[in-house]
């Protein structure tokens, strides 16, 4: 077997070519997606329209491709509509899905999702949004966002007289008034009894 000794510049060029052609030599840093959601900190009741503002950002360093956002509508709500600054959104069977396409490093996309409050099973309404991408995400811990909306509780009317709670000062005034009235009535009764 005969070995051919290559010069140093030729050897370096071959190594560079092999590294570029080999998948193992290609380094993919990925795209760190982050998602946030807000309902505007409003309290809701039955019949109200609640709008969620969802923001998906890309902390880089690479572009995020095939970005999708999924959301399962909370119990007691129904889908009214949605709007995205990039891509499209739709709803099927209580699942909202948005295709945002590619989000470049340092860029962001905004989504507005409106729902109708049909009923409030609990005292709050919890809603969760999840973002995913075909690009590797080095930090998946910030790919989920949850918002909790408070409800306005309307107490039903029972027809009974509500109990009135008065402060101690008011109670003292009422007690004094009653005592003075009782004393006057007692004195009048005494005088009537003593009259001829």
C-alpha atoms as a PDB file:
ATOM      1  CA  UNK A   1       0.000   0.000   0.000  1.00  0.00           C
ATOM      2  CA  UNK A   2       1.370   3.355  -0.972  1.00  0.00           C
ATOM      3  CA  UNK A   3       0.629   6.427   1.093  1.00  0.00           C
ATOM      4  CA  UNK A   4       0.481   9.864  -0.458  1.00  0.00           C
ATOM      5  CA  UNK A   5       1.675  12.684   1.716  1.00  0.00           C
ATOM      6  CA  UNK A   6      -0.415  15.814   1.249  1.00  0.00           C
ATOM      7  CA  UNK A   7       0.816  19.266   1.824  1.00  0.00           C
ATOM      8  CA  UNK A   8      -0.576  21.170   4.792  1.00  0.00           C
ATOM      9  CA  UNK A   9      -2.727  23.649   2.800  1.00  0.00           C
ATOM     10  CA  UNK A  10      -4.351  20.802   0.872  1.00  0.00           C
ATOM     11  CA  UNK A  11      -5.053  18.864   4.085  1.00  0.00           C
ATOM     12  CA  UNK A  12      -6.716  21.900   5.693  1.00  0.00           C
ATOM     13  CA  UNK A  13      -8.894  22.446   2.622  1.00  0.00           C
ATOM     14  CA  UNK A  14     -10.087  18.813   2.668  1.00  0.00           C
ATOM     15  CA  UNK A  15     -10.958  18.989   6.352  1.00  0.00           C
ATOM     16  CA  UNK A  16     -13.019  22.124   5.789  1.00  0.00           C
ATOM     17  CA  UNK A  17     -14.855  20.537   2.851  1.00  0.00           C
ATOM     18  CA  UNK A  18     -15.663  17.359   4.799  1.00  0.00           C
ATOM     19  CA  UNK A  19     -16.927  19.341   7.777  1.00  0.00           C
ATOM     20  CA  UNK A  20     -19.219  21.377   5.551  1.00  0.00           C
ATOM     21  CA  UNK A  21     -20.594  18.300   3.791  1.00  0.00           C
ATOM     22  CA  UNK A  22     -21.137  16.223   6.941  1.00  0.00           C
ATOM     23  CA  UNK A  23     -24.421  16.680   8.871  1.00  0.00           C
ATOM     24  CA  UNK A  24     -22.523  16.050  12.082  1.00  0.00           C
ATOM     25  CA  UNK A  25     -20.308  18.999  11.310  1.00  0.00           C
ATOM     26  CA  UNK A  26     -23.241  21.405  10.913  1.00  0.00           C
ATOM     27  CA  UNK A  27     -23.986  23.203  14.180  1.00  0.00           C
ATOM     28  CA  UNK A  28     -27.618  24.204  14.782  1.00  0.00           C
ATOM     29  CA  UNK A  29     -28.101  26.603  17.677  1.00  0.00           C
ATOM     30  CA  UNK A  30     -31.900  26.681  17.449  1.00  0.00           C
ATOM     31  CA  UNK A  31     -34.531  29.298  18.198  1.00  0.00           C
ATOM     32  CA  UNK A  32     -35.673  30.083  21.727  1.00  0.00           C
ATOM     33  CA  UNK A  33     -39.408  30.780  21.450  1.00  0.00           C
ATOM     34  CA  UNK A  34     -41.250  32.500  24.278  1.00  0.00           C
ATOM     35  CA  UNK A  35     -45.015  32.982  24.665  1.00  0.00           C
ATOM     36  CA  UNK A  36     -47.064  35.266  26.913  1.00  0.00           C
ATOM     37  CA  UNK A  37     -50.827  35.755  27.312  1.00  0.00           C
ATOM     38  CA  UNK A  38     -52.941  38.451  28.983  1.00  0.00           C
ATOM     39  CA  UNK A  39     -56.671  39.080  29.385  1.00  0.00           C
ATOM     40  CA  UNK A  40     -56.256  42.734  30.342  1.00  0.00           C
ATOM     41  CA  UNK A  41     -56.868  42.003  34.040  1.00  0.00           C
ATOM     42  CA  UNK A  42     -60.632  42.370  33.705  1.00  0.00           C
ATOM     43  CA  UNK A  43     -63.306  40.647  35.778  1.00  0.00           C
ATOM     44  CA  UNK A  44     -65.986  38.882  33.754  1.00  0.00           C
ATOM     45  CA  UNK A  45     -69.459  37.468  34.160  1.00  0.00           C
ATOM     46  CA  UNK A  46     -71.858  35.417  32.068  1.00  0.00           C
ATOM     47  CA  UNK A  47     -72.519  36.969  28.664  1.00  0.00           C
ATOM     48  CA  UNK A  48     -69.278  38.960  28.528  1.00  0.00           C
ATOM     49  CA  UNK A  49     -66.736  38.837  25.693  1.00  0.00           C
ATOM     50  CA  UNK A  50     -63.184  38.129  26.825  1.00  0.00           C
ATOM     51  CA  UNK A  51     -60.224  38.844  24.532  1.00  0.00           C
ATOM     52  CA  UNK A  52     -56.837  37.231  25.073  1.00  0.00           C
ATOM     53  CA  UNK A  53     -53.680  38.905  23.751  1.00  0.00           C
ATOM     54  CA  UNK A  54     -51.001  36.329  22.920  1.00  0.00           C
ATOM     55  CA  UNK A  55     -47.450  37.357  22.001  1.00  0.00           C
ATOM     56  CA  UNK A  56     -44.914  34.891  20.571  1.00  0.00           C
ATOM     57  CA  UNK A  57     -41.314  36.092  20.466  1.00  0.00           C
ATOM     58  CA  UNK A  58     -38.080  34.555  19.214  1.00  0.00           C
ATOM     59  CA  UNK A  59     -34.993  35.094  21.351  1.00  0.00           C
ATOM     60  CA  UNK A  60     -32.874  33.465  18.632  1.00  0.00           C
ATOM     61  CA  UNK A  61     -30.236  32.947  17.646  1.00  0.00           C
ATOM     62  CA  UNK A  62     -31.797  31.250  14.609  1.00  0.00           C
ATOM     63  CA  UNK A  63     -35.115  31.839  12.875  1.00  0.00           C
ATOM     64  CA  UNK A  64     -38.022  29.676  14.073  1.00  0.00           C
ATOM     65  CA  UNK A  65     -39.811  27.874  11.250  1.00  0.00           C
ATOM     66  CA  UNK A  66     -43.321  26.408  11.135  1.00  0.00           C
ATOM     67  CA  UNK A  67     -44.362  28.142  14.345  1.00  0.00           C
ATOM     68  CA  UNK A  68     -47.725  26.976  15.694  1.00  0.00           C
ATOM     69  CA  UNK A  69     -49.806  28.038  18.691  1.00  0.00           C
ATOM     70  CA  UNK A  70     -52.414  25.715  20.226  1.00  0.00           C
ATOM     71  CA  UNK A  71     -55.125  26.535  22.745  1.00  0.00           C
ATOM     72  CA  UNK A  72     -57.936  24.454  24.233  1.00  0.00           C
ATOM     73  CA  UNK A  73     -60.868  26.753  25.006  1.00  0.00           C
ATOM     74  CA  UNK A  74     -61.764  26.827  28.712  1.00  0.00           C
ATOM     75  CA  UNK A  75     -64.960  25.174  29.919  1.00  0.00           C
ATOM     76  CA  UNK A  76     -67.963  27.450  29.696  1.00  0.00           C
ATOM     77  CA  UNK A  77     -66.618  29.522  26.787  1.00  0.00           C
ATOM     78  CA  UNK A  78     -67.224  29.513  23.044  1.00  0.00           C
ATOM     79  CA  UNK A  79     -65.036  30.783  20.207  1.00  0.00           C
ATOM     80  CA  UNK A  80     -65.927  34.135  18.648  1.00  0.00           C
ATOM     81  CA  UNK A  81     -62.925  34.910  16.458  1.00  0.00           C
ATOM     82  CA  UNK A  82     -59.189  35.491  16.259  1.00  0.00           C
ATOM     83  CA  UNK A  83     -56.668  37.635  14.450  1.00  0.00           C
ATOM     84  CA  UNK A  84     -52.916  37.195  13.956  1.00  0.00           C
ATOM     85  CA  UNK A  85     -50.301  39.713  12.896  1.00  0.00           C
ATOM     86  CA  UNK A  86     -48.675  36.953  10.840  1.00  0.00           C
ATOM     87  CA  UNK A  87     -50.128  33.721   9.472  1.00  0.00           C
ATOM     88  CA  UNK A  88     -53.643  32.442  10.118  1.00  0.00           C
ATOM     89  CA  UNK A  89     -55.780  31.230  13.018  1.00  0.00           C
ATOM     90  CA  UNK A  90     -58.842  29.015  13.231  1.00  0.00           C
ATOM     91  CA  UNK A  91     -60.896  26.891  15.604  1.00  0.00           C
ATOM     92  CA  UNK A  92     -62.166  23.328  15.359  1.00  0.00           C
ATOM     93  CA  UNK A  93     -63.908  21.404  18.115  1.00  0.00           C
ATOM     94  CA  UNK A  94     -62.875  23.803  20.842  1.00  0.00           C
ATOM     95  CA  UNK A  95     -59.208  23.829  19.773  1.00  0.00           C
ATOM     96  CA  UNK A  96     -57.711  27.092  18.510  1.00  0.00           C
ATOM     97  CA  UNK A  97     -54.680  26.660  16.232  1.00  0.00           C
ATOM     98  CA  UNK A  98     -52.586  29.421  14.690  1.00  0.00           C
ATOM     99  CA  UNK A  99     -49.978  28.892  11.963  1.00  0.00           C
ATOM    100  CA  UNK A 100     -47.533  31.773  12.270  1.00  0.00           C
ATOM    101  CA  UNK A 101     -45.000  30.603   9.685  1.00  0.00           C
ATOM    102  CA  UNK A 102     -41.422  31.773  10.281  1.00  0.00           C
ATOM    103  CA  UNK A 103     -40.470  34.165  13.072  1.00  0.00           C
ATOM    104  CA  UNK A 104     -37.030  35.659  12.663  1.00  0.00           C
ATOM    105  CA  UNK A 105     -34.613  36.069  15.559  1.00  0.00           C
ATOM    106  CA  UNK A 106     -35.592  39.119  17.602  1.00  0.00           C
ATOM    107  CA  UNK A 107     -39.047  39.334  16.015  1.00  0.00           C
ATOM    108  CA  UNK A 108     -42.492  38.613  17.477  1.00  0.00           C
ATOM    109  CA  UNK A 109     -46.058  37.867  16.393  1.00  0.00           C
ATOM    110  CA  UNK A 110     -49.286  38.872  18.133  1.00  0.00           C
ATOM    111  CA  UNK A 111     -52.559  36.952  18.304  1.00  0.00           C
ATOM    112  CA  UNK A 112     -55.964  38.146  19.535  1.00  0.00           C
ATOM    113  CA  UNK A 113     -58.480  35.459  20.533  1.00  0.00           C
ATOM    114  CA  UNK A 114     -62.028  36.425  21.590  1.00  0.00           C
ATOM    115  CA  UNK A 115     -64.359  34.089  23.480  1.00  0.00           C
ATOM    116  CA  UNK A 116     -67.899  34.354  24.841  1.00  0.00           C
ATOM    117  CA  UNK A 117     -68.454  33.594  28.526  1.00  0.00           C
ATOM    118  CA  UNK A 118     -71.436  31.229  28.582  1.00  0.00           C
ATOM    119  CA  UNK A 119     -70.988  30.127  32.165  1.00  0.00           C
ATOM    120  CA  UNK A 120     -68.337  30.147  34.876  1.00  0.00           C
ATOM    121  CA  UNK A 121     -68.038  26.698  36.461  1.00  0.00           C
ATOM    122  CA  UNK A 122     -65.563  27.925  39.069  1.00  0.00           C
ATOM    123  CA  UNK A 123     -64.649  31.287  40.513  1.00  0.00           C
ATOM    124  CA  UNK A 124     -61.938  31.707  37.860  1.00  0.00           C
ATOM    125  CA  UNK A 125     -61.340  30.855  34.198  1.00  0.00           C
ATOM    126  CA  UNK A 126     -57.948  29.343  33.353  1.00  0.00           C
ATOM    127  CA  UNK A 127     -56.665  29.410  29.786  1.00  0.00           C
ATOM    128  CA  UNK A 128     -53.392  27.911  28.500  1.00  0.00           C
ATOM    129  CA  UNK A 129     -51.500  28.549  25.246  1.00  0.00           C
ATOM    130  CA  UNK A 130     -48.632  26.427  23.879  1.00  0.00           C
ATOM    131  CA  UNK A 131     -46.168  27.341  21.103  1.00  0.00           C
ATOM    132  CA  UNK A 132     -44.077  24.914  19.040  1.00  0.00           C
ATOM    133  CA  UNK A 133     -41.758  25.008  16.032  1.00  0.00           C
ATOM    134  CA  UNK A 134     -39.951  22.623  13.695  1.00  0.00           C
ATOM    135  CA  UNK A 135     -36.724  24.405  14.687  1.00  0.00           C
ATOM    136  CA  UNK A 136     -34.899  23.120  17.748  1.00  0.00           C
ATOM    137  CA  UNK A 137     -35.754  25.106  20.871  1.00  0.00           C
ATOM    138  CA  UNK A 138     -32.933  25.126  23.458  1.00  0.00           C
ATOM    139  CA  UNK A 139     -35.304  26.241  26.251  1.00  0.00           C
ATOM    140  CA  UNK A 140     -38.796  24.691  26.089  1.00  0.00           C
ATOM    141  CA  UNK A 141     -39.706  25.868  29.598  1.00  0.00           C
ATOM    142  CA  UNK A 142     -41.041  29.183  28.255  1.00  0.00           C
ATOM    143  CA  UNK A 143     -43.199  27.617  25.524  1.00  0.00           C
ATOM    144  CA  UNK A 144     -46.351  27.567  27.687  1.00  0.00           C
ATOM    145  CA  UNK A 145     -48.338  30.503  29.058  1.00  0.00           C
ATOM    146  CA  UNK A 146     -51.407  30.496  31.296  1.00  0.00           C
ATOM    147  CA  UNK A 147     -53.826  33.264  32.213  1.00  0.00           C
ATOM    148  CA  UNK A 148     -56.389  33.195  35.015  1.00  0.00           C
ATOM    149  CA  UNK A 149     -59.437  35.451  34.698  1.00  0.00           C
ATOM    150  CA  UNK A 150     -61.504  36.422  37.737  1.00  0.00           C
ATOM    151  CA  UNK A 151     -65.283  36.302  37.685  1.00  0.00           C
ATOM    152  CA  UNK A 152     -67.856  38.742  39.026  1.00  0.00           C
ATOM    153  CA  UNK A 153     -70.042  36.814  41.452  1.00  0.00           C
ATOM    154  CA  UNK A 154     -73.672  37.964  41.438  1.00  0.00           C
ATOM    155  CA  UNK A 155     -75.493  36.760  44.552  1.00  0.00           C
ATOM    156  CA  UNK A 156     -79.086  35.603  43.861  1.00  0.00           C
ATOM    157  CA  UNK A 157     -81.933  37.426  45.558  1.00  0.00           C
ATOM    158  CA  UNK A 158     -83.593  35.288  48.265  1.00  0.00           C
ATOM    159  CA  UNK A 159     -86.354  37.743  49.215  1.00  0.00           C
ATOM    160  CA  UNK A 160     -85.215  37.718  52.840  1.00  0.00           C
ATOM    161  CA  UNK A 161     -84.297  40.872  54.715  1.00  0.00           C
ATOM    162  CA  UNK A 162     -80.544  41.291  54.729  1.00  0.00           C
ATOM    163  CA  UNK A 163     -78.849  41.419  58.092  1.00  0.00           C
ATOM    164  CA  UNK A 164     -77.480  44.891  58.802  1.00  0.00           C
ATOM    165  CA  UNK A 165     -74.210  45.058  60.694  1.00  0.00           C
ATOM    166  CA  UNK A 166     -73.661  48.387  62.433  1.00  0.00           C
ATOM    167  CA  UNK A 167     -70.484  49.691  64.067  1.00  0.00           C
ATOM    168  CA  UNK A 168     -70.298  49.916  67.863  1.00  0.00           C
ATOM    169  CA  UNK A 169     -70.750  53.713  67.866  1.00  0.00           C
ATOM    170  CA  UNK A 170     -74.031  53.412  65.994  1.00  0.00           C
ATOM    171  CA  UNK A 171     -75.192  50.659  68.336  1.00  0.00           C
ATOM    172  CA  UNK A 172     -74.399  52.855  71.331  1.00  0.00           C
ATOM    173  CA  UNK A 173     -76.423  55.732  69.874  1.00  0.00           C
ATOM    174  CA  UNK A 174     -79.372  53.445  69.203  1.00  0.00           C
ATOM    175  CA  UNK A 175     -79.173  52.005  72.709  1.00  0.00           C
ATOM    176  CA  UNK A 176     -79.084  55.498  74.256  1.00  0.00           C
ATOM    177  CA  UNK A 177     -82.048  56.639  72.194  1.00  0.00           C
ATOM    178  CA  UNK A 178     -84.039  53.601  73.251  1.00  0.00           C
ATOM    179  CA  UNK A 179     -83.170  54.163  76.916  1.00  0.00           C
ATOM    180  CA  UNK A 180     -84.184  57.847  76.839  1.00  0.00           C
ATOM    181  CA  UNK A 181     -87.469  56.974  75.133  1.00  0.00           C
ATOM    182  CA  UNK A 182     -88.136  54.236  77.650  1.00  0.00           C
ATOM    183  CA  UNK A 183     -87.376  56.598  80.558  1.00  0.00           C
ATOM    184  CA  UNK A 184     -89.740  59.261  79.221  1.00  0.00           C
ATOM    185  CA  UNK A 185     -92.520  56.737  78.738  1.00  0.00           C
ATOM    186  CA  UNK A 186     -91.968  55.363  82.221  1.00  0.00           C
ATOM    187  CA  UNK A 187     -92.082  58.861  83.782  1.00  0.00           C
ATOM    188  CA  UNK A 188     -95.260  59.711  81.883  1.00  0.00           C
ATOM    189  CA  UNK A 189     -96.880  56.507  83.114  1.00  0.00           C
ATOM    190  CA  UNK A 190     -95.809  57.292  86.680  1.00  0.00           C
ATOM    191  CA  UNK A 191     -97.272  60.803  86.521  1.00  0.00           C
ATOM    192  CA  UNK A 192    -100.551  59.488  85.116  1.00  0.00           C
ATOM    193  CA  UNK A 193    -100.785  56.972  87.901  1.00  0.00           C
ATOM    194  CA  UNK A 194    -100.161  59.710  90.518  1.00  0.00           C
ATOM    195  CA  UNK A 195    -102.687  62.141  89.043  1.00  0.00           C
ATOM    196  CA  UNK A 196    -106.038  62.410  90.971  1.00  0.00           C
END
